[in-house]
Amino acid sequence: MPRVVDREARRAELVSAAASVFTQRGVANTAVSDIVRKAGVAQGTFYLYFDSKDDAILAVVERMADAMTEATAARTEAPSSAVDKLLALRNVLAEAGSEPEAAELVDLMHRRENRLLHDRLAEDLTRRLVPLLEAIVEQGVADGDFRVDDSRAAAWFVLAGLQSVELAGTAISEMPAALTKATEFALRALGYQGPQR
């Protein structure tokens, strides 16, 4: 009797294997054969789930974006002020490399040979985070904490400012302090008059 394979679980195994090999060898230096060897499957199995290595790259990016989006949503869903939610978003970004596995992925993203992977993650995260941030800004305006006319443009501005901390090449160890400063500027740009936090 043929063994039944859980397609979702097998795909997740392949994505994990790809992320692991990308971390060890770099995206450019990784071949599909490296991924399947790490996953312990035949090369043909890889092509049942992905059309190419680029598809596997996108799956790794999607998994990372899912994790960051879920962490952000979880921290910003609680009933709290818009300022607290913006600070929670900052904290998620600051903590992105604090866990050992996450630290490896953050390091992976910042290697020159993995620029494509980094750019795809940044684009995916931006698309996902702008609506969350826009809702935070709208709440802040409704509560009287923020004074902006265009919540969407304000969300673009704030997110770009936070992302520029990373794009400027800030060391991982300096990221929390740099994001705190960027958030202070963002709060002032949003018209927040309360104490810095």
N, C-alpha and C. Protein backbone atom coordinates (compact mmCIF):
# COMPACT_ATOMS: atom_id res chain seq x y z
N MET A 1 0.84 -1.17 0.00
CA MET A 1 0.00 0.00 0.00
C MET A 1 0.89 1.24 0.00
N PRO A 2 0.70 2.17 -0.95
CA PRO A 2 1.55 3.35 -1.02
C PRO A 2 1.35 4.26 0.20
N ARG A 3 2.47 4.85 0.61
CA ARG A 3 2.45 5.76 1.76
C ARG A 3 1.76 7.07 1.37
N VAL A 4 0.88 7.55 2.24
CA VAL A 4 0.19 8.81 2.01
C VAL A 4 1.07 9.94 2.55
N VAL A 5 1.32 10.92 1.71
CA VAL A 5 2.18 12.03 2.09
C VAL A 5 1.31 13.26 2.31
N ASP A 6 1.51 13.89 3.44
CA ASP A 6 0.83 15.14 3.74
C ASP A 6 1.54 16.23 2.93
N ARG A 7 0.87 16.69 1.87
CA ARG A 7 1.51 17.64 0.94
C ARG A 7 1.93 18.93 1.64
N GLU A 8 1.10 19.41 2.53
CA GLU A 8 1.44 20.66 3.22
C GLU A 8 2.67 20.47 4.10
N ALA A 9 2.72 19.35 4.81
CA ALA A 9 3.87 19.07 5.68
C ALA A 9 5.13 18.87 4.85
N ARG A 10 5.03 18.18 3.73
CA ARG A 10 6.20 17.96 2.87
C ARG A 10 6.72 19.28 2.31
N ARG A 11 5.81 20.13 1.88
CA ARG A 11 6.22 21.45 1.35
C ARG A 11 6.91 22.26 2.45
N ALA A 12 6.36 22.21 3.67
CA ALA A 12 6.98 22.92 4.80
C ALA A 12 8.38 22.39 5.08
N GLU A 13 8.56 21.07 4.96
CA GLU A 13 9.89 20.48 5.15
C GLU A 13 10.87 21.00 4.10
N LEU A 14 10.40 21.09 2.86
CA LEU A 14 11.26 21.60 1.79
C LEU A 14 11.60 23.08 2.00
N VAL A 15 10.65 23.85 2.47
CA VAL A 15 10.91 25.27 2.75
C VAL A 15 11.92 25.40 3.88
N SER A 16 11.77 24.60 4.93
CA SER A 16 12.73 24.63 6.04
C SER A 16 14.12 24.22 5.58
N ALA A 17 14.17 23.19 4.74
CA ALA A 17 15.46 22.76 4.21
C ALA A 17 16.09 23.86 3.36
N ALA A 18 15.29 24.51 2.53
CA ALA A 18 15.80 25.60 1.70
C ALA A 18 16.33 26.73 2.57
N ALA A 19 15.59 27.12 3.60
CA ALA A 19 16.04 28.20 4.49
C ALA A 19 17.35 27.83 5.15
N SER A 20 17.47 26.59 5.59
CA SER A 20 18.69 26.13 6.24
C SER A 20 19.89 26.18 5.29
N VAL A 21 19.69 25.68 4.07
CA VAL A 21 20.79 25.66 3.10
C VAL A 21 21.13 27.08 2.65
N PHE A 22 20.12 27.93 2.47
CA PHE A 22 20.40 29.32 2.11
C PHE A 22 21.26 29.98 3.19
N THR A 23 20.97 29.67 4.47
CA THR A 23 21.74 30.23 5.57
C THR A 23 23.19 29.76 5.51
N GLN A 24 23.39 28.49 5.21
CA GLN A 24 24.74 27.92 5.18
C GLN A 24 25.54 28.34 3.95
N ARG A 25 24.91 28.32 2.79
CA ARG A 25 25.65 28.50 1.55
C ARG A 25 25.39 29.82 0.83
N GLY A 26 24.31 30.49 1.19
CA GLY A 26 23.90 31.67 0.45
C GLY A 26 22.95 31.26 -0.65
N VAL A 27 22.07 32.14 -1.02
CA VAL A 27 21.06 31.83 -2.03
C VAL A 27 21.72 31.54 -3.37
N ALA A 28 22.65 32.39 -3.78
CA ALA A 28 23.29 32.24 -5.10
C ALA A 28 24.07 30.94 -5.20
N ASN A 29 24.62 30.48 -4.08
CA ASN A 29 25.46 29.28 -4.09
C ASN A 29 24.69 28.00 -3.80
N THR A 30 23.39 28.09 -3.70
CA THR A 30 22.57 26.92 -3.40
C THR A 30 21.93 26.39 -4.68
N ALA A 31 22.03 25.09 -4.85
CA ALA A 31 21.37 24.41 -5.97
C ALA A 31 20.19 23.61 -5.43
N VAL A 32 19.26 23.29 -6.30
CA VAL A 32 18.12 22.47 -5.90
C VAL A 32 18.62 21.16 -5.28
N SER A 33 19.69 20.61 -5.82
CA SER A 33 20.24 19.36 -5.28
C SER A 33 20.66 19.51 -3.82
N ASP A 34 21.13 20.69 -3.42
CA ASP A 34 21.49 20.93 -2.02
C ASP A 34 20.25 20.91 -1.13
N ILE A 35 19.17 21.49 -1.63
CA ILE A 35 17.93 21.55 -0.86
C ILE A 35 17.35 20.16 -0.66
N VAL A 36 17.29 19.36 -1.73
CA VAL A 36 16.70 18.02 -1.60
C VAL A 36 17.58 17.11 -0.75
N ARG A 37 18.89 17.30 -0.83
CA ARG A 37 19.79 16.50 0.01
C ARG A 37 19.51 16.81 1.48
N LYS A 38 19.36 18.09 1.80
CA LYS A 38 19.06 18.51 3.18
C LYS A 38 17.70 17.97 3.63
N ALA A 39 16.72 17.97 2.73
CA ALA A 39 15.36 17.50 3.06
C ALA A 39 15.26 15.98 3.06
N GLY A 40 16.23 15.31 2.45
CA GLY A 40 16.20 13.85 2.39
C GLY A 40 15.16 13.31 1.44
N VAL A 41 14.96 14.03 0.31
CA VAL A 41 13.98 13.60 -0.69
C VAL A 41 14.66 13.56 -2.06
N ALA A 42 13.99 12.93 -3.00
CA ALA A 42 14.49 12.88 -4.37
C ALA A 42 14.28 14.24 -5.05
N GLN A 43 15.12 14.53 -6.04
CA GLN A 43 15.02 15.82 -6.72
C GLN A 43 13.65 15.99 -7.39
N GLY A 44 13.09 14.90 -7.88
CA GLY A 44 11.77 14.98 -8.50
C GLY A 44 10.70 15.43 -7.52
N THR A 45 10.88 15.08 -6.24
CA THR A 45 9.93 15.50 -5.22
C THR A 45 9.90 17.02 -5.10
N PHE A 46 11.06 17.63 -5.18
CA PHE A 46 11.14 19.10 -5.11
C PHE A 46 10.23 19.71 -6.17
N TYR A 47 10.29 19.17 -7.38
CA TYR A 47 9.52 19.74 -8.49
C TYR A 47 8.02 19.44 -8.44
N LEU A 48 7.61 18.60 -7.50
CA LEU A 48 6.18 18.43 -7.26
C LEU A 48 5.61 19.63 -6.49
N TYR A 49 6.49 20.37 -5.81
CA TYR A 49 6.07 21.48 -4.97
C TYR A 49 6.52 22.86 -5.47
N PHE A 50 7.59 22.89 -6.24
CA PHE A 50 8.14 24.15 -6.73
C PHE A 50 8.54 23.99 -8.19
N ASP A 51 8.35 25.06 -8.96
CA ASP A 51 8.77 25.04 -10.37
C ASP A 51 10.26 25.26 -10.51
N SER A 52 10.86 25.95 -9.55
CA SER A 52 12.28 26.31 -9.66
C SER A 52 12.81 26.70 -8.29
N LYS A 53 14.12 26.93 -8.22
CA LYS A 53 14.73 27.43 -6.99
C LYS A 53 14.12 28.78 -6.62
N ASP A 54 13.81 29.61 -7.60
CA ASP A 54 13.19 30.91 -7.32
C ASP A 54 11.87 30.75 -6.58
N ASP A 55 11.10 29.73 -6.92
CA ASP A 55 9.85 29.47 -6.20
C ASP A 55 10.13 29.11 -4.74
N ALA A 56 11.20 28.36 -4.51
CA ALA A 56 11.58 28.01 -3.14
C ALA A 56 12.03 29.26 -2.38
N ILE A 57 12.74 30.15 -3.05
CA ILE A 57 13.15 31.42 -2.44
C ILE A 57 11.91 32.20 -2.00
N LEU A 58 10.94 32.28 -2.89
CA LEU A 58 9.71 33.00 -2.57
C LEU A 58 8.98 32.36 -1.38
N ALA A 59 9.02 31.04 -1.30
CA ALA A 59 8.37 30.35 -0.18
C ALA A 59 9.07 30.66 1.14
N VAL A 60 10.40 30.74 1.12
CA VAL A 60 11.15 31.10 2.33
C VAL A 60 10.79 32.53 2.73
N VAL A 61 10.75 33.42 1.75
CA VAL A 61 10.39 34.82 2.02
C VAL A 61 8.99 34.90 2.59
N GLU A 62 8.07 34.16 2.01
CA GLU A 62 6.68 34.18 2.48
C GLU A 62 6.59 33.69 3.92
N ARG A 63 7.35 32.66 4.24
CA ARG A 63 7.32 32.13 5.61
C ARG A 63 7.84 33.18 6.60
N MET A 64 8.92 33.86 6.23
CA MET A 64 9.46 34.91 7.10
C MET A 64 8.47 36.07 7.24
N ALA A 65 7.86 36.47 6.13
CA ALA A 65 6.89 37.56 6.16
C ALA A 65 5.67 37.16 6.99
N ASP A 66 5.22 35.91 6.87
CA ASP A 66 4.10 35.43 7.68
C ASP A 66 4.41 35.55 9.17
N ALA A 67 5.61 35.12 9.55
CA ALA A 67 5.99 35.15 10.97
C ALA A 67 6.02 36.58 11.50
N MET A 68 6.59 37.50 10.74
CA MET A 68 6.67 38.89 11.19
C MET A 68 5.29 39.55 11.20
N THR A 69 4.48 39.24 10.20
CA THR A 69 3.14 39.82 10.15
C THR A 69 2.28 39.31 11.30
N GLU A 70 2.37 38.01 11.57
CA GLU A 70 1.60 37.43 12.67
C GLU A 70 2.03 38.02 14.01
N ALA A 71 3.33 38.19 14.21
CA ALA A 71 3.83 38.78 15.45
C ALA A 71 3.34 40.22 15.60
N THR A 72 3.37 40.96 14.50
CA THR A 72 2.92 42.35 14.53
C THR A 72 1.42 42.42 14.81
N ALA A 73 0.64 41.62 14.11
CA ALA A 73 -0.81 41.63 14.30
C ALA A 73 -1.17 41.23 15.73
N ALA A 74 -0.49 40.23 16.27
CA ALA A 74 -0.78 39.78 17.63
C ALA A 74 -0.52 40.88 18.65
N ARG A 75 0.54 41.62 18.44
CA ARG A 75 0.88 42.67 19.40
C ARG A 75 0.07 43.95 19.21
N THR A 76 -0.50 44.13 18.04
CA THR A 76 -1.25 45.37 17.81
C THR A 76 -2.76 45.17 17.87
N GLU A 77 -3.22 43.94 18.09
CA GLU A 77 -4.66 43.68 18.17
C GLU A 77 -5.24 44.00 19.54
N ALA A 78 -4.40 43.93 20.56
CA ALA A 78 -4.89 44.17 21.92
C ALA A 78 -5.44 45.58 22.03
N PRO A 79 -6.48 45.73 22.83
CA PRO A 79 -7.03 47.09 23.00
C PRO A 79 -6.00 47.97 23.71
N SER A 80 -5.46 48.89 22.98
CA SER A 80 -4.49 49.82 23.53
C SER A 80 -4.45 51.05 22.64
N SER A 81 -3.70 52.04 23.06
CA SER A 81 -3.63 53.27 22.28
C SER A 81 -2.86 53.05 20.98
N ALA A 82 -3.06 53.94 20.04
CA ALA A 82 -2.33 53.87 18.78
C ALA A 82 -0.83 54.02 19.02
N VAL A 83 -0.46 54.84 19.98
CA VAL A 83 0.96 55.00 20.30
C VAL A 83 1.53 53.68 20.79
N ASP A 84 0.82 52.99 21.68
CA ASP A 84 1.28 51.68 22.17
C ASP A 84 1.40 50.67 21.03
N LYS A 85 0.47 50.72 20.09
CA LYS A 85 0.52 49.80 18.95
C LYS A 85 1.70 50.11 18.05
N LEU A 86 2.00 51.39 17.84
CA LEU A 86 3.16 51.75 17.03
C LEU A 86 4.44 51.29 17.72
N LEU A 87 4.49 51.43 19.03
CA LEU A 87 5.65 50.95 19.79
C LEU A 87 5.76 49.43 19.72
N ALA A 88 4.62 48.74 19.69
CA ALA A 88 4.63 47.28 19.56
C ALA A 88 5.20 46.87 18.20
N LEU A 89 4.82 47.59 17.15
CA LEU A 89 5.37 47.33 15.82
C LEU A 89 6.88 47.52 15.84
N ARG A 90 7.32 48.61 16.44
CA ARG A 90 8.76 48.86 16.55
C ARG A 90 9.44 47.70 17.26
N ASN A 91 8.84 47.21 18.34
CA ASN A 91 9.44 46.12 19.11
C ASN A 91 9.55 44.83 18.29
N VAL A 92 8.53 44.54 17.49
CA VAL A 92 8.60 43.35 16.63
C VAL A 92 9.78 43.47 15.69
N LEU A 93 9.94 44.64 15.08
CA LEU A 93 11.06 44.86 14.16
C LEU A 93 12.40 44.77 14.89
N ALA A 94 12.47 45.33 16.08
CA ALA A 94 13.71 45.33 16.85
C ALA A 94 14.10 43.92 17.31
N GLU A 95 13.09 43.09 17.56
CA GLU A 95 13.34 41.75 18.07
C GLU A 95 13.51 40.71 16.96
N ALA A 96 13.46 41.15 15.71
CA ALA A 96 13.48 40.21 14.59
C ALA A 96 14.67 39.26 14.62
N GLY A 97 15.78 39.67 15.14
CA GLY A 97 16.96 38.80 15.16
C GLY A 97 17.35 38.32 16.53
N SER A 98 16.43 38.36 17.50
CA SER A 98 16.81 38.03 18.87
C SER A 98 16.83 36.54 19.18
N GLU A 99 16.05 35.73 18.48
CA GLU A 99 16.06 34.29 18.71
C GLU A 99 17.10 33.65 17.80
N PRO A 100 17.73 32.55 18.26
CA PRO A 100 18.81 31.96 17.47
C PRO A 100 18.45 31.65 16.01
N GLU A 101 17.30 31.00 15.76
CA GLU A 101 16.92 30.68 14.38
C GLU A 101 16.64 31.97 13.60
N ALA A 102 15.97 32.92 14.25
CA ALA A 102 15.67 34.18 13.60
C ALA A 102 16.95 34.95 13.32
N ALA A 103 17.92 34.88 14.24
CA ALA A 103 19.19 35.58 14.04
C ALA A 103 19.90 35.05 12.79
N GLU A 104 19.84 33.74 12.59
CA GLU A 104 20.45 33.16 11.39
C GLU A 104 19.76 33.67 10.13
N LEU A 105 18.44 33.76 10.16
CA LEU A 105 17.70 34.23 8.99
C LEU A 105 17.96 35.72 8.74
N VAL A 106 18.06 36.50 9.82
CA VAL A 106 18.37 37.92 9.66
C VAL A 106 19.77 38.07 9.04
N ASP A 107 20.70 37.27 9.56
CA ASP A 107 22.06 37.30 8.99
C ASP A 107 22.02 36.89 7.52
N LEU A 108 21.25 35.87 7.21
CA LEU A 108 21.08 35.41 5.83
C LEU A 108 20.58 36.54 4.94
N MET A 109 19.61 37.28 5.42
CA MET A 109 19.00 38.34 4.62
C MET A 109 19.97 39.48 4.33
N HIS A 110 20.96 39.67 5.20
CA HIS A 110 21.84 40.82 5.06
C HIS A 110 23.15 40.51 4.33
N ARG A 111 23.30 39.30 3.88
CA ARG A 111 24.49 38.98 3.09
C ARG A 111 24.32 39.51 1.68
N ARG A 112 25.40 40.01 1.14
CA ARG A 112 25.38 40.60 -0.20
C ARG A 112 24.82 39.62 -1.24
N GLU A 113 25.20 38.36 -1.13
CA GLU A 113 24.76 37.38 -2.13
C GLU A 113 23.27 37.06 -2.03
N ASN A 114 22.63 37.52 -0.96
CA ASN A 114 21.21 37.26 -0.76
C ASN A 114 20.35 38.51 -0.91
N ARG A 115 20.85 39.49 -1.61
CA ARG A 115 20.13 40.76 -1.77
C ARG A 115 18.73 40.55 -2.37
N LEU A 116 18.62 39.64 -3.33
CA LEU A 116 17.33 39.36 -3.95
C LEU A 116 16.32 38.89 -2.90
N LEU A 117 16.75 37.99 -2.05
CA LEU A 117 15.89 37.47 -1.00
C LEU A 117 15.48 38.61 -0.05
N HIS A 118 16.41 39.44 0.31
CA HIS A 118 16.14 40.58 1.18
C HIS A 118 15.11 41.52 0.56
N ASP A 119 15.31 41.86 -0.69
CA ASP A 119 14.41 42.80 -1.36
C ASP A 119 13.01 42.23 -1.49
N ARG A 120 12.90 40.94 -1.77
CA ARG A 120 11.58 40.32 -1.87
C ARG A 120 10.87 40.32 -0.52
N LEU A 121 11.61 40.05 0.55
CA LEU A 121 11.01 40.08 1.88
C LEU A 121 10.55 41.49 2.22
N ALA A 122 11.39 42.49 1.94
CA ALA A 122 11.03 43.88 2.24
C ALA A 122 9.76 44.30 1.48
N GLU A 123 9.67 43.91 0.22
CA GLU A 123 8.48 44.25 -0.57
C GLU A 123 7.24 43.56 -0.01
N ASP A 124 7.38 42.28 0.32
CA ASP A 124 6.23 41.52 0.85
C ASP A 124 5.80 42.09 2.20
N LEU A 125 6.75 42.36 3.07
CA LEU A 125 6.41 42.91 4.38
C LEU A 125 5.75 44.28 4.26
N THR A 126 6.26 45.11 3.35
CA THR A 126 5.69 46.44 3.18
C THR A 126 4.22 46.34 2.78
N ARG A 127 3.91 45.47 1.82
CA ARG A 127 2.52 45.29 1.40
C ARG A 127 1.64 44.84 2.56
N ARG A 128 2.17 44.02 3.44
CA ARG A 128 1.39 43.49 4.55
C ARG A 128 1.28 44.49 5.70
N LEU A 129 2.35 45.24 5.95
CA LEU A 129 2.37 46.12 7.12
C LEU A 129 1.71 47.47 6.90
N VAL A 130 1.66 47.96 5.66
CA VAL A 130 1.04 49.26 5.42
C VAL A 130 -0.41 49.28 5.90
N PRO A 131 -1.25 48.29 5.59
CA PRO A 131 -2.64 48.35 6.10
C PRO A 131 -2.72 48.31 7.63
N LEU A 132 -1.85 47.52 8.27
CA LEU A 132 -1.83 47.49 9.74
C LEU A 132 -1.46 48.86 10.30
N LEU A 133 -0.43 49.45 9.72
CA LEU A 133 0.02 50.75 10.18
C LEU A 133 -0.99 51.84 9.87
N GLU A 134 -1.65 51.73 8.73
CA GLU A 134 -2.70 52.70 8.39
C GLU A 134 -3.83 52.66 9.42
N ALA A 135 -4.21 51.46 9.85
CA ALA A 135 -5.25 51.33 10.87
C ALA A 135 -4.80 51.94 12.20
N ILE A 136 -3.53 51.77 12.53
CA ILE A 136 -2.99 52.37 13.76
C ILE A 136 -3.06 53.89 13.67
N VAL A 137 -2.67 54.44 12.51
CA VAL A 137 -2.70 55.89 12.34
C VAL A 137 -4.14 56.39 12.41
N GLU A 138 -5.07 55.69 11.77
CA GLU A 138 -6.48 56.09 11.81
C GLU A 138 -7.01 56.11 13.25
N GLN A 139 -6.62 55.08 14.02
CA GLN A 139 -7.03 55.05 15.42
C GLN A 139 -6.45 56.25 16.17
N GLY A 140 -5.17 56.54 15.91
CA GLY A 140 -4.53 57.67 16.58
C GLY A 140 -5.19 58.99 16.25
N VAL A 141 -5.61 59.15 14.99
CA VAL A 141 -6.31 60.36 14.58
C VAL A 141 -7.67 60.42 15.29
N ALA A 142 -8.41 59.31 15.29
CA ALA A 142 -9.73 59.26 15.93
C ALA A 142 -9.63 59.53 17.43
N ASP A 143 -8.55 59.07 18.06
CA ASP A 143 -8.37 59.26 19.50
C ASP A 143 -7.79 60.64 19.84
N GLY A 144 -7.38 61.38 18.80
CA GLY A 144 -6.81 62.69 19.03
C GLY A 144 -5.32 62.70 19.35
N ASP A 145 -4.67 61.54 19.24
CA ASP A 145 -3.23 61.46 19.51
C ASP A 145 -2.38 61.89 18.32
N PHE A 146 -2.89 61.63 17.10
CA PHE A 146 -2.15 61.97 15.88
C PHE A 146 -2.92 63.05 15.12
N ARG A 147 -2.19 63.86 14.39
CA ARG A 147 -2.80 64.92 13.60
C ARG A 147 -2.26 64.86 12.18
N VAL A 148 -2.87 64.02 11.37
CA VAL A 148 -2.49 63.91 9.96
C VAL A 148 -3.77 63.86 9.13
N ASP A 149 -3.66 64.34 7.90
CA ASP A 149 -4.82 64.35 7.01
C ASP A 149 -4.97 63.08 6.19
N ASP A 150 -3.87 62.40 5.95
CA ASP A 150 -3.89 61.23 5.07
C ASP A 150 -3.22 60.05 5.80
N SER A 151 -4.04 59.16 6.33
CA SER A 151 -3.52 58.04 7.12
C SER A 151 -2.65 57.10 6.31
N ARG A 152 -3.02 56.88 5.05
CA ARG A 152 -2.23 55.97 4.21
C ARG A 152 -0.85 56.55 3.92
N ALA A 153 -0.79 57.83 3.55
CA ALA A 153 0.51 58.46 3.30
C ALA A 153 1.35 58.48 4.58
N ALA A 154 0.70 58.71 5.72
CA ALA A 154 1.42 58.69 7.00
C ALA A 154 1.98 57.30 7.27
N ALA A 155 1.21 56.26 6.95
CA ALA A 155 1.68 54.89 7.13
C ALA A 155 2.90 54.61 6.25
N TRP A 156 2.85 55.07 5.00
CA TRP A 156 4.01 54.90 4.10
C TRP A 156 5.24 55.57 4.70
N PHE A 157 5.04 56.80 5.17
CA PHE A 157 6.14 57.59 5.71
C PHE A 157 6.78 56.89 6.92
N VAL A 158 5.94 56.48 7.87
CA VAL A 158 6.44 55.86 9.09
C VAL A 158 7.14 54.55 8.77
N LEU A 159 6.53 53.72 7.96
CA LEU A 159 7.14 52.43 7.63
C LEU A 159 8.45 52.62 6.88
N ALA A 160 8.50 53.56 5.96
CA ALA A 160 9.75 53.84 5.23
C ALA A 160 10.83 54.29 6.20
N GLY A 161 10.47 55.11 7.17
CA GLY A 161 11.46 55.55 8.16
C GLY A 161 12.00 54.40 8.98
N LEU A 162 11.12 53.50 9.41
CA LEU A 162 11.57 52.35 10.18
C LEU A 162 12.42 51.41 9.33
N GLN A 163 12.02 51.20 8.09
CA GLN A 163 12.79 50.32 7.21
C GLN A 163 14.15 50.93 6.86
N SER A 164 14.23 52.25 6.78
CA SER A 164 15.49 52.87 6.41
C SER A 164 16.57 52.64 7.46
N VAL A 165 16.17 52.41 8.71
CA VAL A 165 17.15 52.09 9.75
C VAL A 165 17.91 50.83 9.34
N GLU A 166 17.19 49.85 8.87
CA GLU A 166 17.81 48.59 8.44
C GLU A 166 18.55 48.77 7.12
N LEU A 167 17.95 49.48 6.19
CA LEU A 167 18.57 49.67 4.87
C LEU A 167 19.87 50.46 4.94
N ALA A 168 20.02 51.28 5.98
CA ALA A 168 21.23 52.08 6.14
C ALA A 168 22.41 51.24 6.63
N GLY A 169 22.17 49.97 6.88
CA GLY A 169 23.26 49.09 7.30
C GLY A 169 23.50 49.09 8.80
N THR A 170 22.50 49.45 9.57
CA THR A 170 22.63 49.46 11.03
C THR A 170 22.93 48.05 11.52
N ALA A 171 23.92 47.93 12.39
CA ALA A 171 24.27 46.62 12.95
C ALA A 171 23.11 46.08 13.75
N ILE A 172 22.96 44.76 13.75
CA ILE A 172 21.86 44.10 14.47
C ILE A 172 21.86 44.53 15.93
N SER A 173 23.04 44.61 16.54
CA SER A 173 23.13 44.98 17.96
C SER A 173 22.66 46.41 18.22
N GLU A 174 22.73 47.28 17.22
CA GLU A 174 22.32 48.68 17.37
C GLU A 174 20.87 48.92 16.93
N MET A 175 20.24 47.90 16.38
CA MET A 175 18.91 48.05 15.81
C MET A 175 17.85 48.52 16.82
N PRO A 176 17.77 47.95 18.02
CA PRO A 176 16.72 48.42 18.94
C PRO A 176 16.82 49.92 19.25
N ALA A 177 18.01 50.41 19.54
CA ALA A 177 18.18 51.83 19.86
C ALA A 177 17.88 52.70 18.64
N ALA A 178 18.31 52.27 17.47
CA ALA A 178 18.07 53.04 16.25
C ALA A 178 16.58 53.09 15.93
N LEU A 179 15.89 51.97 16.10
CA LEU A 179 14.45 51.95 15.85
C LEU A 179 13.69 52.81 16.87
N THR A 180 14.18 52.86 18.10
CA THR A 180 13.57 53.73 19.09
C THR A 180 13.67 55.19 18.66
N LYS A 181 14.83 55.60 18.19
CA LYS A 181 15.00 56.98 17.73
C LYS A 181 14.12 57.27 16.52
N ALA A 182 14.08 56.33 15.57
CA ALA A 182 13.26 56.53 14.38
C ALA A 182 11.78 56.63 14.76
N THR A 183 11.36 55.84 15.74
CA THR A 183 9.96 55.88 16.19
C THR A 183 9.64 57.20 16.87
N GLU A 184 10.59 57.74 17.62
CA GLU A 184 10.39 59.06 18.24
C GLU A 184 10.14 60.12 17.16
N PHE A 185 10.93 60.09 16.09
CA PHE A 185 10.71 61.03 14.99
C PHE A 185 9.36 60.80 14.32
N ALA A 186 9.01 59.52 14.14
CA ALA A 186 7.73 59.19 13.50
C ALA A 186 6.56 59.72 14.33
N LEU A 187 6.63 59.54 15.64
CA LEU A 187 5.55 60.04 16.50
C LEU A 187 5.40 61.55 16.38
N ARG A 188 6.50 62.26 16.35
CA ARG A 188 6.43 63.72 16.19
C ARG A 188 5.86 64.09 14.82
N ALA A 189 6.26 63.35 13.78
CA ALA A 189 5.75 63.62 12.43
C ALA A 189 4.24 63.37 12.35
N LEU A 190 3.75 62.44 13.17
CA LEU A 190 2.32 62.15 13.21
C LEU A 190 1.55 63.17 14.04
N GLY A 191 2.26 64.11 14.67
CA GLY A 191 1.61 65.14 15.46
C GLY A 191 1.41 64.76 16.91
N TYR A 192 2.04 63.69 17.34
CA TYR A 192 1.91 63.25 18.74
C TYR A 192 2.60 64.26 19.66
N GLN A 193 1.88 64.73 20.65
CA GLN A 193 2.41 65.76 21.56
C GLN A 193 2.77 65.20 22.95
N GLY A 194 2.47 63.93 23.17
CA GLY A 194 2.72 63.34 24.49
C GLY A 194 4.19 63.08 24.74
N PRO A 195 4.49 62.49 25.89
CA PRO A 195 5.88 62.20 26.24
C PRO A 195 6.48 61.12 25.34
N GLN A 196 7.78 61.22 25.10
CA GLN A 196 8.45 60.18 24.32
C GLN A 196 8.46 58.90 25.15
N ARG A 197 8.30 57.76 24.43
CA ARG A 197 8.21 56.48 25.13
C ARG A 197 9.10 55.45 24.53
